[in-house]
Amino acid sequence: MLTTHFREASTLWREKPGKYAKKNSAAYQFFNTKLQPEIEKIVRHLGYKALIVDAEVGNGSWSKTPYIAIRHNGVAPSFMEGVSVAYLFAPDFGRLYITIIQGVKRTRSTELDKSKKKLEKTIDRPEGFNEGPIPQLVRDEKPNSSSAKYRKGIIYSKEYILEKLPDDEEFTNDLKKTLKIYQDYAESQ
């Protein structure tokens, strides 16, 4: 189901109307009533009852980097603070990343680098994941933009190419191992 949902999210995002995120648009509705609940269902099925799943596509204007965040209130009061697991979508929806990421609220890029080094020593890297920031999410990324901070805030990530998405089993296995490491981190804090 995730493979199908990620493909549909990509299609709807490319067709989203205008500059502003309208709650009645198909893309907005899909993220909040289909994709977010599907990920939440998988998270619950894997046994993580305390984790919170949030979808964000934009508040006012459309987000350049929409995401679905999975967080533990003890280590992330919001996606913008603490450490979360998140699916980040590249703006062109050509790539999707599952990440362990630190929040970027009121954080300078240089501070993200310092705290990332500490977190890499505390949080295990999931098998098959890369360390550190991913390539630019946005072509003309400004140094302190949200997408630049998200990119720099990434501790570990795995990239999926939306033209060659894996099957649901691989998505679920990647999420399962990521949530196990994340839960271990949350419980150690």
C-alpha atoms as a PDB file:
ATOM      1  CA  MET A   1       0.000   0.000   0.000  1.00  0.00           C
ATOM      2  CA  LEU A   2       2.858   2.439   0.730  1.00  0.00           C
ATOM      3  CA  THR A   3       4.291   2.073  -2.763  1.00  0.00           C
ATOM      4  CA  THR A   4       0.904   2.907  -4.268  1.00  0.00           C
ATOM      5  CA  HIS A   5       0.367   5.799  -1.850  1.00  0.00           C
ATOM      6  CA  PHE A   6       3.803   7.321  -2.514  1.00  0.00           C
ATOM      7  CA  ARG A   7       3.171   7.145  -6.279  1.00  0.00           C
ATOM      8  CA  GLU A   8      -0.244   8.764  -5.906  1.00  0.00           C
ATOM      9  CA  ALA A   9       1.195  11.486  -3.640  1.00  0.00           C
ATOM     10  CA  SER A  10       3.747  12.237  -6.363  1.00  0.00           C
ATOM     11  CA  THR A  11       1.061  12.532  -9.043  1.00  0.00           C
ATOM     12  CA  LEU A  12      -1.224  14.709  -6.917  1.00  0.00           C
ATOM     13  CA  TRP A  13       1.653  16.950  -5.831  1.00  0.00           C
ATOM     14  CA  ARG A  14       2.616  17.647  -9.425  1.00  0.00           C
ATOM     15  CA  GLU A  15      -1.005  18.589 -10.125  1.00  0.00           C
ATOM     16  CA  LYS A  16      -1.508  20.737  -7.007  1.00  0.00           C
ATOM     17  CA  PRO A  17      -3.345  23.957  -7.744  1.00  0.00           C
ATOM     18  CA  GLY A  18      -1.685  27.347  -7.426  1.00  0.00           C
ATOM     19  CA  LYS A  19       0.804  28.712  -4.941  1.00  0.00           C
ATOM     20  CA  TYR A  20      -1.231  28.268  -1.766  1.00  0.00           C
ATOM     21  CA  ALA A  21      -1.908  25.068   0.186  1.00  0.00           C
ATOM     22  CA  LYS A  22      -5.655  24.714   0.174  1.00  0.00           C
ATOM     23  CA  LYS A  23      -7.142  22.224   2.613  1.00  0.00           C
ATOM     24  CA  ASN A  24      -9.717  21.110   0.063  1.00  0.00           C
ATOM     25  CA  SER A  25      -7.134  20.341  -2.656  1.00  0.00           C
ATOM     26  CA  ALA A  26      -6.579  16.712  -3.651  1.00  0.00           C
ATOM     27  CA  ALA A  27      -2.866  16.821  -2.686  1.00  0.00           C
ATOM     28  CA  TYR A  28      -3.563  18.288   0.769  1.00  0.00           C
ATOM     29  CA  GLN A  29      -6.386  15.831   1.415  1.00  0.00           C
ATOM     30  CA  PHE A  30      -4.365  12.844   0.235  1.00  0.00           C
ATOM     31  CA  PHE A  31      -1.427  13.576   2.543  1.00  0.00           C
ATOM     32  CA  ASN A  32      -3.666  14.093   5.555  1.00  0.00           C
ATOM     33  CA  THR A  33      -6.415  11.532   5.034  1.00  0.00           C
ATOM     34  CA  LYS A  34      -4.637   8.702   3.157  1.00  0.00           C
ATOM     35  CA  LEU A  35      -0.822   8.787   3.392  1.00  0.00           C
ATOM     36  CA  GLN A  36      -0.431   9.922   7.015  1.00  0.00           C
ATOM     37  CA  PRO A  37      -3.053   7.433   8.314  1.00  0.00           C
ATOM     38  CA  GLU A  38      -1.489   4.587   6.281  1.00  0.00           C
ATOM     39  CA  ILE A  39       1.940   5.251   7.802  1.00  0.00           C
ATOM     40  CA  GLU A  40       0.354   5.572  11.251  1.00  0.00           C
ATOM     41  CA  LYS A  41      -1.394   2.211  10.739  1.00  0.00           C
ATOM     42  CA  ILE A  42       1.947   0.557   9.902  1.00  0.00           C
ATOM     43  CA  VAL A  43       3.646   2.217  12.890  1.00  0.00           C
ATOM     44  CA  ARG A  44       0.885   0.867  15.189  1.00  0.00           C
ATOM     45  CA  HIS A  45       1.029  -2.575  13.563  1.00  0.00           C
ATOM     46  CA  LEU A  46       4.771  -2.661  14.275  1.00  0.00           C
ATOM     47  CA  GLY A  47       3.922  -2.113  17.956  1.00  0.00           C
ATOM     48  CA  TYR A  48       4.817   1.561  18.417  1.00  0.00           C
ATOM     49  CA  LYS A  49       1.720   2.878  20.180  1.00  0.00           C
ATOM     50  CA  ALA A  50       3.314   6.019  21.675  1.00  0.00           C
ATOM     51  CA  LEU A  51       4.760   7.460  18.462  1.00  0.00           C
ATOM     52  CA  ILE A  52       3.010  10.420  16.834  1.00  0.00           C
ATOM     53  CA  VAL A  53       2.678  10.672  13.039  1.00  0.00           C
ATOM     54  CA  ASP A  54       2.307  14.121  11.447  1.00  0.00           C
ATOM     55  CA  ALA A  55       1.907  15.191   7.807  1.00  0.00           C
ATOM     56  CA  GLU A  56       3.017  18.614   6.579  1.00  0.00           C
ATOM     57  CA  VAL A  57       2.463  19.944   3.075  1.00  0.00           C
ATOM     58  CA  GLY A  58       2.422  23.638   3.828  1.00  0.00           C
ATOM     59  CA  ASN A  59       0.826  26.292   5.940  1.00  0.00           C
ATOM     60  CA  GLY A  60      -0.237  29.132   3.699  1.00  0.00           C
ATOM     61  CA  SER A  61       1.917  28.363   0.674  1.00  0.00           C
ATOM     62  CA  TRP A  62       2.878  24.834  -0.356  1.00  0.00           C
ATOM     63  CA  SER A  63       5.961  23.470   1.375  1.00  0.00           C
ATOM     64  CA  LYS A  64       9.082  23.061  -0.751  1.00  0.00           C
ATOM     65  CA  THR A  65       9.858  19.941   1.271  1.00  0.00           C
ATOM     66  CA  PRO A  66       6.669  18.160   2.345  1.00  0.00           C
ATOM     67  CA  TYR A  67       7.108  15.430   4.938  1.00  0.00           C
ATOM     68  CA  ILE A  68       5.513  12.777   7.097  1.00  0.00           C
ATOM     69  CA  ALA A  69       7.167  12.826  10.541  1.00  0.00           C
ATOM     70  CA  ILE A  70       7.140  10.095  13.169  1.00  0.00           C
ATOM     71  CA  ARG A  71       8.165  11.290  16.599  1.00  0.00           C
ATOM     72  CA  HIS A  72       8.327  10.389  20.265  1.00  0.00           C
ATOM     73  CA  ASN A  73       7.157  13.240  22.511  1.00  0.00           C
ATOM     74  CA  GLY A  74       9.993  12.526  24.944  1.00  0.00           C
ATOM     75  CA  VAL A  75      12.689  13.394  22.399  1.00  0.00           C
ATOM     76  CA  ALA A  76      10.716  15.509  19.898  1.00  0.00           C
ATOM     77  CA  PRO A  77       7.912  17.768  21.149  1.00  0.00           C
ATOM     78  CA  SER A  78       7.411  18.652  17.462  1.00  0.00           C
ATOM     79  CA  PHE A  79       9.084  17.789  14.158  1.00  0.00           C
ATOM     80  CA  MET A  80      10.950  21.096  14.411  1.00  0.00           C
ATOM     81  CA  GLU A  81      12.501  20.225  17.791  1.00  0.00           C
ATOM     82  CA  GLY A  82      14.398  17.158  18.956  1.00  0.00           C
ATOM     83  CA  VAL A  83      14.957  14.044  16.847  1.00  0.00           C
ATOM     84  CA  SER A  84      12.346  12.387  14.605  1.00  0.00           C
ATOM     85  CA  VAL A  85      12.005   9.849  11.843  1.00  0.00           C
ATOM     86  CA  ALA A  86      10.660  11.450   8.666  1.00  0.00           C
ATOM     87  CA  TYR A  87       9.834  10.747   5.073  1.00  0.00           C
ATOM     88  CA  LEU A  88      11.052  13.832   3.186  1.00  0.00           C
ATOM     89  CA  PHE A  89       9.932  14.460  -0.383  1.00  0.00           C
ATOM     90  CA  ALA A  90      12.131  16.321  -2.848  1.00  0.00           C
ATOM     91  CA  PRO A  91      10.167  19.262  -4.287  1.00  0.00           C
ATOM     92  CA  ASP A  92       9.937  17.680  -7.736  1.00  0.00           C
ATOM     93  CA  PHE A  93       8.810  14.435  -6.099  1.00  0.00           C
ATOM     94  CA  GLY A  94      11.473  12.571  -8.030  1.00  0.00           C
ATOM     95  CA  ARG A  95      13.066  11.364  -4.780  1.00  0.00           C
ATOM     96  CA  LEU A  96      11.835  10.308  -1.376  1.00  0.00           C
ATOM     97  CA  TYR A  97      13.976   9.857   1.724  1.00  0.00           C
ATOM     98  CA  ILE A  98      13.399   8.026   4.964  1.00  0.00           C
ATOM     99  CA  THR A  99      15.485   9.829   7.553  1.00  0.00           C
ATOM    100  CA  ILE A 100      16.442  10.131  11.161  1.00  0.00           C
ATOM    101  CA  ILE A 101      16.552  13.900  11.457  1.00  0.00           C
ATOM    102  CA  GLN A 102      17.048  16.579  14.068  1.00  0.00           C
ATOM    103  CA  GLY A 103      14.633  19.485  14.378  1.00  0.00           C
ATOM    104  CA  VAL A 104      15.615  22.817  12.893  1.00  0.00           C
ATOM    105  CA  LYS A 105      13.546  25.297  14.912  1.00  0.00           C
ATOM    106  CA  ARG A 106      15.641  28.314  15.902  1.00  0.00           C
ATOM    107  CA  THR A 107      18.793  26.452  14.884  1.00  0.00           C
ATOM    108  CA  ARG A 108      21.605  27.823  12.743  1.00  0.00           C
ATOM    109  CA  SER A 109      23.205  25.584  10.151  1.00  0.00           C
ATOM    110  CA  THR A 110      26.520  25.546  12.055  1.00  0.00           C
ATOM    111  CA  GLU A 111      24.753  24.353  15.214  1.00  0.00           C
ATOM    112  CA  LEU A 112      23.126  21.534  13.225  1.00  0.00           C
ATOM    113  CA  ASP A 113      26.570  20.268  12.227  1.00  0.00           C
ATOM    114  CA  LYS A 114      27.773  20.203  15.847  1.00  0.00           C
ATOM    115  CA  SER A 115      24.707  18.475  17.259  1.00  0.00           C
ATOM    116  CA  LYS A 116      24.654  15.993  14.348  1.00  0.00           C
ATOM    117  CA  LYS A 117      28.144  14.776  15.285  1.00  0.00           C
ATOM    118  CA  LYS A 118      26.964  14.155  18.870  1.00  0.00           C
ATOM    119  CA  LEU A 119      23.820  12.367  17.702  1.00  0.00           C
ATOM    120  CA  GLU A 120      25.794  10.112  15.344  1.00  0.00           C
ATOM    121  CA  LYS A 121      27.641   8.820  18.421  1.00  0.00           C
ATOM    122  CA  THR A 122      24.354   8.203  20.264  1.00  0.00           C
ATOM    123  CA  ILE A 123      22.093   6.824  17.521  1.00  0.00           C
ATOM    124  CA  ASP A 124      22.968   3.678  15.583  1.00  0.00           C
ATOM    125  CA  ARG A 125      22.908   3.926  11.791  1.00  0.00           C
ATOM    126  CA  PRO A 126      20.256   1.661  10.225  1.00  0.00           C
ATOM    127  CA  GLU A 127      21.669  -0.910   7.817  1.00  0.00           C
ATOM    128  CA  GLY A 128      21.631   0.429   4.243  1.00  0.00           C
ATOM    129  CA  PHE A 129      21.377   4.078   5.324  1.00  0.00           C
ATOM    130  CA  ASN A 130      23.851   6.860   4.542  1.00  0.00           C
ATOM    131  CA  GLU A 131      25.344   9.231   7.090  1.00  0.00           C
ATOM    132  CA  GLY A 132      24.991  12.964   6.876  1.00  0.00           C
ATOM    133  CA  PRO A 133      23.155  15.330   4.591  1.00  0.00           C
ATOM    134  CA  ILE A 134      21.599  14.307   1.333  1.00  0.00           C
ATOM    135  CA  PRO A 135      22.179  16.280  -1.882  1.00  0.00           C
ATOM    136  CA  GLN A 136      20.293  19.544  -2.215  1.00  0.00           C
ATOM    137  CA  LEU A 137      16.550  19.110  -1.974  1.00  0.00           C
ATOM    138  CA  VAL A 138      15.872  22.336  -3.875  1.00  0.00           C
ATOM    139  CA  ARG A 139      17.790  23.483  -6.945  1.00  0.00           C
ATOM    140  CA  ASP A 140      18.246  27.085  -5.760  1.00  0.00           C
ATOM    141  CA  GLU A 141      18.450  26.336  -2.065  1.00  0.00           C
ATOM    142  CA  LYS A 142      19.211  29.346   0.133  1.00  0.00           C
ATOM    143  CA  PRO A 143      21.661  28.634   3.019  1.00  0.00           C
ATOM    144  CA  ASN A 144      19.161  29.153   5.866  1.00  0.00           C
ATOM    145  CA  SER A 145      15.983  28.015   4.082  1.00  0.00           C
ATOM    146  CA  SER A 146      13.882  25.259   5.643  1.00  0.00           C
ATOM    147  CA  SER A 147      14.932  22.731   3.012  1.00  0.00           C
ATOM    148  CA  ALA A 148      18.637  23.547   3.544  1.00  0.00           C
ATOM    149  CA  LYS A 149      18.195  23.115   7.298  1.00  0.00           C
ATOM    150  CA  TYR A 150      16.237  19.867   6.847  1.00  0.00           C
ATOM    151  CA  ARG A 151      19.016  18.583   4.614  1.00  0.00           C
ATOM    152  CA  LYS A 152      21.723  19.546   7.102  1.00  0.00           C
ATOM    153  CA  GLY A 153      19.664  18.189  10.011  1.00  0.00           C
ATOM    154  CA  ILE A 154      19.620  14.679   8.590  1.00  0.00           C
ATOM    155  CA  ILE A 155      21.608  12.243  10.680  1.00  0.00           C
ATOM    156  CA  TYR A 156      20.924   9.144   8.544  1.00  0.00           C
ATOM    157  CA  SER A 157      18.930   8.627   5.355  1.00  0.00           C
ATOM    158  CA  LYS A 158      17.985   6.194   2.639  1.00  0.00           C
ATOM    159  CA  GLU A 159      16.966   7.435  -0.795  1.00  0.00           C
ATOM    160  CA  TYR A 160      14.201   6.044  -2.971  1.00  0.00           C
ATOM    161  CA  ILE A 161      13.782   7.078  -6.606  1.00  0.00           C
ATOM    162  CA  LEU A 162      10.072   7.532  -7.216  1.00  0.00           C
ATOM    163  CA  GLU A 163      10.334   6.069 -10.712  1.00  0.00           C
ATOM    164  CA  LYS A 164      11.755   2.846  -9.181  1.00  0.00           C
ATOM    165  CA  LEU A 165      10.020   2.538  -5.825  1.00  0.00           C
ATOM    166  CA  PRO A 166      10.557  -0.685  -3.893  1.00  0.00           C
ATOM    167  CA  ASP A 167       7.706  -2.944  -2.908  1.00  0.00           C
ATOM    168  CA  ASP A 168       5.731  -2.551   0.325  1.00  0.00           C
ATOM    169  CA  GLU A 169       7.811  -5.202   2.075  1.00  0.00           C
ATOM    170  CA  GLU A 170      11.035  -3.213   1.621  1.00  0.00           C
ATOM    171  CA  PHE A 171       9.339   0.014   2.759  1.00  0.00           C
ATOM    172  CA  THR A 172       7.984  -1.740   5.847  1.00  0.00           C
ATOM    173  CA  ASN A 173      11.336  -3.379   6.651  1.00  0.00           C
ATOM    174  CA  ASP A 174      13.169  -0.047   6.324  1.00  0.00           C
ATOM    175  CA  LEU A 175      10.601   1.633   8.563  1.00  0.00           C
ATOM    176  CA  LYS A 176      10.750  -1.241  11.067  1.00  0.00           C
ATOM    177  CA  LYS A 177      14.543  -1.099  11.503  1.00  0.00           C
ATOM    178  CA  THR A 178      14.500   2.709  11.631  1.00  0.00           C
ATOM    179  CA  LEU A 179      11.796   2.799  14.299  1.00  0.00           C
ATOM    180  CA  LYS A 180      13.616   0.188  16.395  1.00  0.00           C
ATOM    181  CA  ILE A 181      16.776   2.319  16.443  1.00  0.00           C
ATOM    182  CA  TYR A 182      14.722   5.467  17.065  1.00  0.00           C
ATOM    183  CA  GLN A 183      12.776   3.873  19.933  1.00  0.00           C
ATOM    184  CA  ASP A 184      16.052   2.657  21.500  1.00  0.00           C
ATOM    185  CA  TYR A 185      17.379   6.209  21.292  1.00  0.00           C
ATOM    186  CA  ALA A 186      14.177   7.685  22.797  1.00  0.00           C
ATOM    187  CA  GLU A 187      14.233   5.226  25.694  1.00  0.00           C
ATOM    188  CA  SER A 188      17.895   6.026  26.446  1.00  0.00           C
ATOM    189  CA  GLN A 189      17.240   9.742  26.875  1.00  0.00           C
END
